[in-house]
Amino acid sequence: MEAASGRVCGIDEAGRGPLAGPVTAAAVILPDDFPVRILADSKVLSAARRTAAAAVIRERAIAWGIGWASHEEIDRWNIHNATLMAMKRAVQALETAPDRLLVDGLFCPDCALPAVAIVKGDATVPCIMAASILAKTARDAWMEEYAKEEPEYRFEKHKGYPTAEHRRLILALGPSRIQRTSFRVSSP
């Protein structure tokens, strides 16, 4: 599928499941000589390997872009639509236009380009793996930086995901300023 001619852009997101913070998407166009052995689904790589791979991707990719949808946009549009908007913004952030898109999952953003959704593409398609890594590292870095604003929520540790600790903190302290109010918080 990826062997067809033209510039192929992989797209993936990070942050659909958290209770707080943005959803982040990345779009990546890789060169033919990219060292694909460093790639994998971001969820299976250690933080150190993700960070190292992200640096190589940013340095060697033909183009890459990051797109965001805020917690307010998630609450306004729902997580599905906010994710597609973040993906569209990531494509718009590319400095080089792709010819077609390969998107992890079941749905493609509205980008006026040929696009194919690939279930589990983040584990099988190199340009989607690269996008997975950039999206995850960008979102994690954002959450770590934001943790300085509301240190009591410990976002640097759980990144807003619904861990038992995070749910306990929300129930004890009330919602943070970046809480997704449309997401239900259950007892830990």
Protein backbone atom coordinates (compact mmCIF):
# COMPACT_ATOMS: atom_id res chain seq x y z
CA MET A 1 0.00 0.00 0.00
CA GLU A 2 2.77 2.45 0.88
CA ALA A 3 4.83 1.56 -2.20
CA ALA A 4 2.63 3.59 -4.58
CA SER A 5 4.19 6.72 -6.04
CA GLY A 6 3.91 10.15 -4.48
CA ARG A 7 4.50 11.60 -1.07
CA VAL A 8 2.73 9.50 1.53
CA CYS A 9 1.89 11.10 4.86
CA GLY A 10 1.23 9.02 7.97
CA ILE A 11 -1.13 10.38 10.61
CA ASP A 12 -1.82 9.28 14.17
CA GLU A 13 -2.97 10.78 17.44
CA ALA A 14 -2.21 10.58 21.14
CA GLY A 15 -4.49 11.44 24.00
CA ARG A 16 -7.97 10.18 23.14
CA GLY A 17 -8.41 8.46 26.51
CA PRO A 18 -7.14 10.95 29.11
CA LEU A 19 -9.44 12.85 31.44
CA ALA A 20 -7.47 16.07 31.01
CA GLY A 21 -5.47 18.00 28.43
CA PRO A 22 -5.47 18.16 24.65
CA VAL A 23 -5.61 15.49 22.00
CA THR A 24 -2.53 15.69 19.79
CA ALA A 25 -1.99 14.48 16.23
CA ALA A 26 1.09 14.24 14.07
CA ALA A 27 1.53 14.01 10.31
CA VAL A 28 4.82 12.67 8.92
CA ILE A 29 6.29 12.21 5.43
CA LEU A 30 9.33 9.93 5.57
CA PRO A 31 12.10 9.67 2.96
CA ASP A 32 12.77 6.31 1.30
CA ASP A 33 16.05 5.93 3.19
CA PHE A 34 14.58 6.50 6.68
CA PRO A 35 15.92 3.99 9.28
CA VAL A 36 12.58 2.25 9.91
CA ARG A 37 14.15 -0.17 12.40
CA ILE A 38 13.83 2.56 15.08
CA LEU A 39 10.05 2.75 14.59
CA ALA A 40 7.22 0.96 16.38
CA ASP A 41 3.84 1.85 17.81
CA SER A 42 4.61 4.56 20.37
CA LYS A 43 2.73 2.62 23.06
CA VAL A 44 5.26 -0.26 22.97
CA LEU A 45 8.39 1.89 23.06
CA SER A 46 9.96 3.03 26.32
CA ALA A 47 9.93 6.78 26.93
CA ALA A 48 13.68 6.91 26.20
CA ARG A 49 13.31 5.07 22.87
CA ARG A 50 10.33 7.25 21.89
CA THR A 51 12.31 10.41 22.65
CA ALA A 52 15.34 9.19 20.68
CA ALA A 53 13.18 8.11 17.72
CA ALA A 54 11.29 11.43 17.77
CA ALA A 55 14.57 13.33 17.43
CA VAL A 56 15.54 11.25 14.37
CA ILE A 57 12.08 11.69 12.84
CA ARG A 58 12.16 15.49 13.28
CA GLU A 59 15.67 15.60 11.79
CA ARG A 60 15.25 13.19 8.85
CA ALA A 61 11.60 13.42 7.81
CA ILE A 62 10.76 15.19 4.57
CA ALA A 63 8.11 17.02 6.58
CA TRP A 64 6.26 16.69 9.86
CA GLY A 65 3.51 18.64 11.57
CA ILE A 66 1.75 18.61 14.92
CA GLY A 67 -1.91 19.47 15.43
CA TRP A 68 -3.81 20.02 18.65
CA ALA A 69 -7.38 20.15 19.88
CA SER A 70 -7.80 21.61 23.36
CA HIS A 71 -9.81 20.19 26.22
CA GLU A 72 -12.44 22.87 25.52
CA GLU A 73 -12.69 21.74 21.89
CA ILE A 74 -12.97 18.12 23.03
CA ASP A 75 -15.86 19.08 25.33
CA ARG A 76 -17.52 21.16 22.58
CA TRP A 77 -17.13 18.75 19.63
CA ASN A 78 -16.58 15.34 21.36
CA ILE A 79 -13.33 13.38 21.30
CA HIS A 80 -13.93 11.84 17.86
CA ASN A 81 -14.45 15.16 16.08
CA ALA A 82 -11.70 16.89 18.06
CA THR A 83 -9.27 14.11 17.08
CA LEU A 84 -10.12 14.54 13.39
CA MET A 85 -9.64 18.32 13.76
CA ALA A 86 -6.22 17.80 15.38
CA MET A 87 -5.29 15.48 12.49
CA LYS A 88 -6.38 18.07 9.93
CA ARG A 89 -4.32 20.72 11.75
CA ALA A 90 -1.28 18.41 11.71
CA VAL A 91 -1.59 18.03 7.92
CA GLN A 92 -1.98 21.81 7.57
CA ALA A 93 1.23 22.28 9.60
CA LEU A 94 3.31 20.33 7.05
CA GLU A 95 5.80 22.45 5.11
CA THR A 96 5.66 20.01 2.19
CA ALA A 97 2.30 18.92 0.83
CA PRO A 98 1.64 15.17 0.66
CA ASP A 99 -0.07 13.39 -2.22
CA ARG A 100 -2.06 11.06 0.01
CA LEU A 101 -2.71 10.20 3.64
CA LEU A 102 -2.50 6.95 5.60
CA VAL A 103 -4.35 7.34 8.88
CA ASP A 104 -4.27 5.07 11.90
CA GLY A 105 -7.72 3.86 12.88
CA LEU A 106 -11.13 3.80 11.24
CA PHE A 107 -11.65 7.42 10.18
CA CYS A 108 -9.84 10.02 8.09
CA PRO A 109 -9.80 13.79 8.61
CA ASP A 110 -11.43 16.04 6.03
CA CYS A 111 -8.31 17.16 4.14
CA ALA A 112 -9.21 17.16 0.41
CA LEU A 113 -6.50 14.55 -0.22
CA PRO A 114 -6.84 10.85 -0.97
CA ALA A 115 -6.83 9.12 2.39
CA VAL A 116 -7.01 5.57 3.69
CA ALA A 117 -7.75 4.58 7.28
CA ILE A 118 -5.71 1.59 8.46
CA VAL A 119 -6.67 -0.21 11.65
CA LYS A 120 -3.50 -0.85 13.69
CA GLY A 121 -1.48 1.14 11.15
CA ASP A 122 0.60 2.45 14.04
CA ALA A 123 2.05 -1.06 14.38
CA THR A 124 2.53 -1.86 10.67
CA VAL A 125 3.05 1.27 8.52
CA PRO A 126 6.34 3.17 9.05
CA CYS A 127 5.01 6.67 8.36
CA ILE A 128 2.09 6.08 10.76
CA MET A 129 4.49 4.67 13.38
CA ALA A 130 6.53 7.86 13.05
CA ALA A 131 3.40 9.97 13.48
CA SER A 132 2.45 7.92 16.54
CA ILE A 133 5.82 8.64 18.11
CA LEU A 134 5.72 12.37 17.39
CA ALA A 135 2.14 12.74 18.65
CA LYS A 136 2.89 10.88 21.89
CA THR A 137 6.14 12.71 22.65
CA ALA A 138 4.60 16.12 21.85
CA ARG A 139 1.58 15.50 24.07
CA ASP A 140 3.67 14.06 26.91
CA ALA A 141 5.98 17.10 26.78
CA TRP A 142 2.97 19.44 26.85
CA MET A 143 1.53 17.66 29.89
CA GLU A 144 4.89 17.69 31.69
CA GLU A 145 5.22 21.43 31.09
CA TYR A 146 1.63 22.07 32.15
CA ALA A 147 2.24 20.12 35.37
CA LYS A 148 4.19 23.18 36.60
CA GLU A 149 0.93 25.19 36.47
CA GLU A 150 -1.07 22.80 38.65
CA PRO A 151 1.55 20.59 40.35
CA GLU A 152 -0.96 19.10 42.78
CA TYR A 153 -2.49 17.04 39.92
CA ARG A 154 0.85 15.33 39.07
CA PHE A 155 0.30 15.50 35.30
CA GLU A 156 4.01 14.87 34.75
CA LYS A 157 3.43 11.36 36.10
CA HIS A 158 0.13 10.17 34.53
CA LYS A 159 -0.19 12.66 31.62
CA GLY A 160 -3.92 13.01 32.33
CA TYR A 161 -4.77 9.35 31.74
CA PRO A 162 -7.42 7.87 34.06
CA THR A 163 -5.05 6.16 36.48
CA ALA A 164 -6.28 5.42 39.99
CA GLU A 165 -4.06 8.22 41.32
CA HIS A 166 -5.37 10.75 38.82
CA ARG A 167 -9.01 9.86 39.55
CA ARG A 168 -8.34 10.14 43.32
CA LEU A 169 -6.79 13.58 42.80
CA ILE A 170 -9.75 14.82 40.73
CA LEU A 171 -12.24 13.57 43.32
CA ALA A 172 -10.21 15.10 46.20
CA LEU A 173 -9.25 18.43 44.58
CA GLY A 174 -12.01 18.97 42.05
CA PRO A 175 -11.38 19.38 38.33
CA SER A 176 -8.14 20.88 37.08
CA ARG A 177 -8.21 23.84 34.68
CA ILE A 178 -7.56 21.43 31.77
CA GLN A 179 -10.14 18.85 32.77
CA ARG A 180 -12.30 17.35 30.02
CA THR A 181 -15.65 18.02 31.67
CA SER A 182 -17.47 15.81 29.18
CA PHE A 183 -15.52 12.75 30.41
CA ARG A 184 -16.89 10.85 33.39
CA VAL A 185 -14.59 10.40 36.39
CA SER A 186 -15.25 7.21 38.32
CA SER A 187 -13.97 6.29 41.76
CA PRO A 188 -10.54 4.66 41.75
